[in-house]
Amino acid sequence: MLKFIQKAGFVLRFQLGSSFNSKIRYLWFSCIGMKIGRGTVVPKLSVTWPHQVEIGKNCKLEQHIYFKYDNPWLPGPSIIIGDTVFIGNGCEFNITEGITVGNDCLIASGCRFIDHDHGININKLMHSQVGTRAAITIGNDVWLGCNVVVLKGAVIGTGAVVAAGAVVTKPIPAYEIWGGVPAKKIGERNTSGFIKKTTS
């Protein structure tokens, strides 16, 4: 009997309750300008400018994702997420220029996307300097491990894998595996599903 009550409580709280709340959030965010595809699960989100965010169909988003468009009001969208994308808990999109995430991507918990930086001229305070900015592009079927940081101008090719904790500062070709700080090539995928390790 106790197991039945526990299972029933789980279904009510995490499945039916989450589904109902997701539909309410879907309607709310859609009304204030966010574009959300059908079948996308919408958890608790933080969004500065909802009209700057476009999320595709059948995406699964976990809680505490922060979509921050750090600019005055401009026409959007600038944060574009493709179809069937998973975004884990606590991810941050800190964007001033733009980011495009392709279809079928896996973005693990704690990933950060930052498309700008600060100037570092020694004659001025850093917070008063204008830094450089460049859009981020992520191809289809990309897997980013936990706590990956993707910085300005990065282009991650289709099918690439980035190991947990890596910092991406330059382009990653399709189907390669990168890791480290800063990230560098550590292997590549092949058609049999095995990882071919590269020599140092």
Protein backbone atom coordinates (compact mmCIF):
# COMPACT_ATOMS: atom_id res chain seq x y z
CA MET A 1 0.00 0.00 0.00
CA LEU A 2 2.82 2.39 0.89
CA LYS A 3 4.51 1.78 -2.47
CA PHE A 4 1.24 2.51 -4.27
CA ILE A 5 0.85 5.82 -2.41
CA GLN A 6 4.46 6.76 -3.21
CA LYS A 7 3.98 5.95 -6.91
CA ALA A 8 0.69 7.85 -7.04
CA GLY A 9 2.31 10.86 -5.37
CA PHE A 10 5.17 10.77 -7.88
CA VAL A 11 2.76 10.65 -10.84
CA LEU A 12 0.64 13.50 -9.49
CA ARG A 13 3.58 15.74 -8.60
CA PHE A 14 6.16 15.10 -11.29
CA GLN A 15 4.13 14.00 -14.29
CA LEU A 16 0.60 15.40 -14.20
CA GLY A 17 1.58 18.48 -12.18
CA SER A 18 4.62 19.22 -14.34
CA SER A 19 2.60 18.74 -17.52
CA PHE A 20 -0.10 21.16 -16.34
CA ASN A 21 2.44 23.78 -15.22
CA SER A 22 4.34 23.41 -18.51
CA LYS A 23 1.18 24.20 -20.48
CA ILE A 24 0.50 27.29 -18.37
CA ARG A 25 4.09 28.52 -18.90
CA TYR A 26 3.86 27.73 -22.61
CA LEU A 27 0.81 30.00 -22.90
CA TRP A 28 2.34 32.74 -20.73
CA PHE A 29 5.68 32.92 -22.53
CA SER A 30 3.95 32.74 -25.92
CA CYS A 31 1.74 35.68 -24.96
CA ILE A 32 4.75 37.84 -24.02
CA GLY A 33 6.64 37.21 -27.24
CA MET A 34 8.64 33.99 -26.94
CA LYS A 35 8.31 31.56 -29.84
CA ILE A 36 7.92 27.97 -28.60
CA GLY A 37 7.34 24.92 -30.81
CA ARG A 38 4.69 22.29 -30.17
CA GLY A 39 5.58 19.52 -27.77
CA THR A 40 8.27 21.50 -25.94
CA VAL A 41 8.32 21.10 -22.16
CA VAL A 42 8.55 24.51 -20.47
CA PRO A 43 9.88 24.51 -16.88
CA LYS A 44 10.63 27.50 -14.65
CA LEU A 45 12.78 29.83 -16.76
CA SER A 46 14.43 33.22 -16.33
CA VAL A 47 14.18 35.39 -19.45
CA THR A 48 15.14 39.06 -19.84
CA TRP A 49 13.57 39.67 -23.28
CA PRO A 50 11.14 36.86 -24.22
CA HIS A 51 10.83 38.04 -27.84
CA GLN A 52 14.56 37.34 -28.28
CA VAL A 53 14.09 33.61 -27.63
CA GLU A 54 12.87 31.03 -30.13
CA ILE A 55 12.65 27.37 -29.09
CA GLY A 56 11.83 24.60 -31.56
CA LYS A 57 9.48 21.63 -31.39
CA ASN A 58 9.68 18.72 -28.96
CA CYS A 59 12.46 20.19 -26.83
CA LYS A 60 13.02 19.17 -23.23
CA LEU A 61 14.21 21.92 -20.92
CA GLU A 62 15.08 21.39 -17.27
CA GLN A 63 14.65 24.02 -14.56
CA HIS A 64 16.67 27.17 -13.83
CA ILE A 65 17.75 27.94 -17.40
CA TYR A 66 18.62 31.61 -17.89
CA PHE A 67 18.04 33.21 -21.28
CA LYS A 68 19.74 36.60 -20.93
CA TYR A 69 19.76 38.93 -23.91
CA ASP A 70 22.03 41.69 -22.66
CA ASN A 71 21.12 44.59 -24.91
CA PRO A 72 18.51 47.33 -25.22
CA TRP A 73 15.21 46.33 -26.75
CA LEU A 74 15.79 45.22 -30.36
CA PRO A 75 13.81 43.07 -32.78
CA GLY A 76 14.49 39.38 -32.30
CA PRO A 77 14.99 36.53 -32.00
CA SER A 78 18.69 36.35 -31.16
CA ILE A 79 18.64 33.10 -29.14
CA ILE A 80 17.46 30.35 -31.47
CA ILE A 81 17.13 26.74 -30.27
CA GLY A 82 16.35 24.02 -32.85
CA ASP A 83 13.97 21.05 -32.64
CA THR A 84 14.32 18.09 -30.26
CA VAL A 85 17.00 19.76 -28.13
CA PHE A 86 17.69 18.83 -24.51
CA ILE A 87 18.95 21.60 -22.19
CA GLY A 88 19.93 20.60 -18.67
CA ASN A 89 19.44 22.27 -15.33
CA GLY A 90 21.16 25.60 -14.67
CA CYS A 91 22.34 26.45 -18.18
CA GLU A 92 22.95 30.12 -19.04
CA PHE A 93 22.68 31.86 -22.39
CA ASN A 94 24.37 35.25 -21.88
CA ILE A 95 23.98 36.82 -25.30
CA THR A 96 24.46 40.26 -26.85
CA GLU A 97 24.92 39.27 -30.51
CA GLY A 98 23.29 35.90 -31.12
CA ILE A 99 23.38 32.14 -30.72
CA THR A 100 21.94 29.38 -32.90
CA VAL A 101 21.65 25.81 -31.60
CA GLY A 102 20.88 23.14 -34.23
CA ASN A 103 18.43 20.25 -34.03
CA ASP A 104 18.81 17.16 -31.84
CA CYS A 105 21.49 18.62 -29.54
CA LEU A 106 22.23 17.48 -25.99
CA ILE A 107 23.31 20.28 -23.66
CA ALA A 108 24.09 18.99 -20.18
CA SER A 109 23.57 20.80 -16.88
CA GLY A 110 25.55 23.92 -16.08
CA CYS A 111 26.66 24.86 -19.60
CA ARG A 112 27.35 28.55 -20.31
CA PHE A 113 27.20 30.42 -23.61
CA ILE A 114 28.77 33.91 -23.65
CA ASP A 115 29.17 35.74 -26.96
CA HIS A 116 31.00 38.84 -25.72
CA ASP A 117 33.84 39.97 -23.47
CA HIS A 118 35.33 43.12 -21.89
CA GLY A 119 38.09 45.36 -23.15
CA ILE A 120 41.39 45.03 -21.24
CA ASN A 121 43.21 48.25 -22.16
CA ILE A 122 45.39 49.16 -19.16
CA ASN A 123 44.52 52.88 -19.39
CA LYS A 124 40.81 52.39 -18.61
CA LEU A 125 38.70 50.54 -16.10
CA MET A 126 37.66 47.24 -17.66
CA HIS A 127 33.98 47.65 -16.83
CA SER A 128 33.88 50.91 -18.83
CA GLN A 129 35.47 49.46 -21.96
CA VAL A 130 33.58 48.08 -24.95
CA GLY A 131 34.58 44.49 -25.60
CA THR A 132 34.30 42.39 -28.72
CA ARG A 133 31.29 40.27 -29.56
CA ALA A 134 30.65 37.49 -32.05
CA ALA A 135 27.73 35.11 -32.47
CA ILE A 136 27.93 31.45 -31.44
CA THR A 137 26.82 28.66 -33.80
CA ILE A 138 26.20 25.07 -32.75
CA GLY A 139 25.40 22.47 -35.43
CA ASN A 140 22.96 19.56 -35.35
CA ASP A 141 23.41 16.51 -33.10
CA VAL A 142 26.05 18.12 -30.86
CA TRP A 143 26.65 16.84 -27.32
CA LEU A 144 28.04 19.23 -24.70
CA GLY A 145 28.99 17.64 -21.37
CA CYS A 146 28.31 19.20 -17.95
CA ASN A 147 29.66 22.70 -17.30
CA VAL A 148 31.01 23.36 -20.78
CA VAL A 149 31.68 27.06 -21.47
CA VAL A 150 31.29 28.25 -25.06
CA LEU A 151 32.77 31.69 -25.75
CA LYS A 152 32.30 34.32 -28.43
CA GLY A 153 32.59 33.35 -32.07
CA ALA A 154 32.73 29.61 -31.40
CA VAL A 155 31.37 27.36 -34.15
CA ILE A 156 30.75 23.74 -33.16
CA GLY A 157 30.25 21.42 -36.12
CA THR A 158 27.56 18.80 -36.65
CA GLY A 159 27.93 15.69 -34.51
CA ALA A 160 30.77 17.08 -32.37
CA VAL A 161 31.23 16.13 -28.71
CA VAL A 162 32.67 18.47 -26.05
CA ALA A 163 33.85 16.90 -22.79
CA ALA A 164 32.59 18.09 -19.40
CA GLY A 165 34.26 21.23 -18.06
CA ALA A 166 35.82 22.26 -21.37
CA VAL A 167 36.12 25.89 -22.50
CA VAL A 168 35.48 26.32 -26.23
CA THR A 169 37.27 29.30 -27.76
CA LYS A 170 37.64 28.30 -31.43
CA PRO A 171 35.86 26.31 -34.15
CA ILE A 172 35.33 22.57 -33.64
CA PRO A 173 35.00 20.53 -36.87
CA ALA A 174 32.14 18.08 -37.37
CA TYR A 175 32.30 14.72 -35.54
CA GLU A 176 35.38 15.60 -33.52
CA ILE A 177 35.69 15.20 -29.73
CA TRP A 178 37.27 18.07 -27.81
CA GLY A 179 38.09 18.61 -24.15
CA GLY A 180 40.20 20.69 -21.80
CA VAL A 181 40.84 24.34 -20.98
CA PRO A 182 41.07 25.74 -23.55
CA ALA A 183 39.43 22.91 -25.48
CA LYS A 184 41.48 20.97 -28.02
CA LYS A 185 40.91 17.84 -30.08
CA ILE A 186 41.14 14.61 -28.07
CA GLY A 187 39.45 12.20 -30.47
CA GLU A 188 36.88 11.75 -33.18
CA ARG A 189 33.75 9.74 -33.87
CA ASN A 190 33.48 7.20 -36.65
CA THR A 191 30.71 5.25 -38.38
CA SER A 192 31.02 2.17 -36.14
CA GLY A 193 30.32 4.28 -33.06
CA PHE A 194 33.79 3.89 -31.61
CA ILE A 195 35.99 6.78 -30.57
CA LYS A 196 39.22 7.03 -32.49
CA LYS A 197 41.79 8.65 -30.22
CA THR A 198 44.25 11.07 -31.69
CA THR A 199 47.95 11.02 -30.97
CA SER A 200 49.50 13.98 -29.17
